[in-house]
Amino acid sequence: MFDPLSLKYDAAGLIPAIAQDAASGEVLMMAWMNADAVARTLSTGRVTYWSRSRSSFWIKGESSGHVQTLVEMRVDCDRDCLLVLVDQTGPACHTNRRSCFYTGIRDGAEVVLTEPMV
């Protein structure tokens, strides 16, 4: 049985978790998890992060309705980063965009690649 404590966490007890759309492969966002958030995500199927600014659990979509349902969790080779394959409802970014990675650097300038969803 998988043990969340087998992962390598940073000094604050956190591990980066990259959310990717399971169907399209689009990278949606990056957030932090602690061992309890990993365990909660695996047991509930609702992706749960650790909010560093609020020092509390953050169940994605709990207040916005933009839910991330877990499809699969993957561990990288060093066990210090997670890939969370999700079924994303609505935008993943708090700016109301599908992905948090909506700014490109092209020819030395920042370019907004996607606008907020309506």
Protein backbone atom coordinates (compact mmCIF):
# COMPACT_ATOMS: atom_id res chain seq x y z
CA MET A 1 0.00 0.00 0.00
CA PHE A 2 1.29 3.48 -0.89
CA ASP A 3 2.50 5.55 2.08
CA PRO A 4 2.49 9.37 1.58
CA LEU A 5 5.32 9.57 4.12
CA SER A 6 7.55 7.70 1.64
CA LEU A 7 7.77 10.89 -0.45
CA LYS A 8 10.52 13.51 -0.07
CA TYR A 9 9.13 16.75 1.31
CA ASP A 10 10.97 20.07 1.65
CA ALA A 11 11.93 21.64 5.00
CA ALA A 12 8.36 22.98 5.36
CA GLY A 13 6.92 19.48 4.82
CA LEU A 14 5.67 20.27 1.32
CA ILE A 15 6.00 18.67 -2.11
CA PRO A 16 5.20 20.35 -5.45
CA ALA A 17 2.19 18.91 -7.27
CA ILE A 18 1.67 19.63 -10.95
CA ALA A 19 -1.94 19.30 -12.12
CA GLN A 20 -2.40 18.06 -15.69
CA ASP A 21 -5.63 17.49 -17.58
CA ALA A 22 -5.88 13.70 -17.89
CA ALA A 23 -7.67 13.84 -21.26
CA SER A 24 -5.78 16.59 -23.12
CA GLY A 25 -2.39 16.52 -21.38
CA GLU A 26 -2.57 20.28 -20.80
CA VAL A 27 -0.58 21.46 -17.78
CA LEU A 28 -3.07 23.34 -15.61
CA MET A 29 -1.32 24.51 -12.47
CA MET A 30 1.25 23.84 -9.78
CA ALA A 31 0.52 23.90 -6.06
CA TRP A 32 1.83 22.36 -2.86
CA MET A 33 0.78 19.29 -0.89
CA ASN A 34 1.81 17.95 2.47
CA ALA A 35 1.50 14.28 3.46
CA ASP A 36 -2.04 14.79 4.75
CA ALA A 37 -3.13 16.51 1.51
CA VAL A 38 -1.70 13.60 -0.48
CA ALA A 39 -3.59 11.12 1.72
CA ARG A 40 -6.83 13.12 1.50
CA THR A 41 -6.56 13.38 -2.29
CA LEU A 42 -6.06 9.63 -2.62
CA SER A 43 -8.87 8.74 -0.21
CA THR A 44 -11.50 11.20 -1.47
CA GLY A 45 -10.68 11.59 -5.16
CA ARG A 46 -10.96 15.38 -4.73
CA VAL A 47 -7.58 17.05 -5.24
CA THR A 48 -6.53 18.70 -2.00
CA TYR A 49 -3.60 21.08 -1.71
CA TRP A 50 -1.92 22.87 1.18
CA SER A 51 -2.30 26.64 1.05
CA ARG A 52 0.93 28.23 2.23
CA SER A 53 -0.68 31.67 2.54
CA ARG A 54 -3.62 30.43 4.64
CA SER A 55 -1.80 27.53 6.34
CA SER A 56 -4.78 25.28 5.67
CA PHE A 57 -6.06 22.61 3.32
CA TRP A 58 -7.48 23.78 0.02
CA ILE A 59 -9.83 21.42 -1.77
CA LYS A 60 -9.71 22.59 -5.37
CA GLY A 61 -13.13 23.88 -6.40
CA GLU A 62 -14.63 23.89 -2.92
CA SER A 63 -15.56 27.58 -3.15
CA SER A 64 -15.29 28.24 -6.92
CA GLY A 65 -16.95 25.08 -8.23
CA HIS A 66 -13.90 24.53 -10.47
CA VAL A 67 -13.33 21.02 -9.16
CA GLN A 68 -10.36 18.79 -9.84
CA THR A 69 -11.30 15.11 -9.67
CA LEU A 70 -8.34 12.78 -9.34
CA VAL A 71 -7.77 10.38 -12.23
CA GLU A 72 -4.27 9.25 -11.25
CA MET A 73 -1.40 10.43 -9.07
CA ARG A 74 2.17 9.85 -10.24
CA VAL A 75 5.45 10.14 -8.34
CA ASP A 76 8.65 11.29 -10.07
CA CYS A 77 11.88 9.28 -10.00
CA ASP A 78 13.33 11.25 -7.06
CA ARG A 79 10.04 11.04 -5.12
CA ASP A 80 10.12 14.82 -4.58
CA CYS A 81 7.45 15.94 -7.05
CA LEU A 82 3.94 14.77 -7.92
CA LEU A 83 2.00 14.75 -11.17
CA VAL A 84 -1.72 14.83 -10.52
CA LEU A 85 -3.79 13.80 -13.54
CA VAL A 86 -7.22 15.35 -13.15
CA ASP A 87 -10.62 15.80 -14.65
CA GLN A 88 -10.89 19.60 -14.45
CA THR A 89 -14.28 21.31 -14.23
CA GLY A 90 -14.03 24.92 -15.44
CA PRO A 91 -10.84 26.98 -15.23
CA ALA A 92 -7.95 25.79 -13.07
CA CYS A 93 -6.43 29.24 -12.52
CA HIS A 94 -7.74 31.79 -10.03
CA THR A 95 -7.57 34.33 -12.91
CA ASN A 96 -10.42 32.37 -14.52
CA ARG A 97 -8.16 30.91 -17.21
CA ARG A 98 -8.01 27.23 -18.11
CA SER A 99 -4.33 27.06 -17.09
CA CYS A 100 -2.12 29.12 -14.79
CA PHE A 101 0.54 28.98 -17.51
CA TYR A 102 -1.05 31.62 -19.74
CA THR A 103 1.98 33.91 -20.14
CA GLY A 104 4.67 33.12 -22.69
CA ILE A 105 8.09 34.72 -23.06
CA ARG A 106 8.65 35.44 -26.74
CA ASP A 107 11.54 37.46 -28.13
CA GLY A 108 12.26 38.70 -24.61
CA ALA A 109 8.73 39.97 -23.97
CA GLU A 110 5.82 38.63 -21.98
CA VAL A 111 2.85 37.67 -24.12
CA VAL A 112 -0.58 36.74 -22.75
CA LEU A 113 -1.51 33.52 -24.54
CA THR A 114 -5.05 32.99 -23.25
CA GLU A 115 -7.75 35.27 -21.95
CA PRO A 116 -10.04 34.50 -19.00
CA MET A 117 -12.89 32.09 -19.67
CA VAL A 118 -16.35 33.62 -19.93
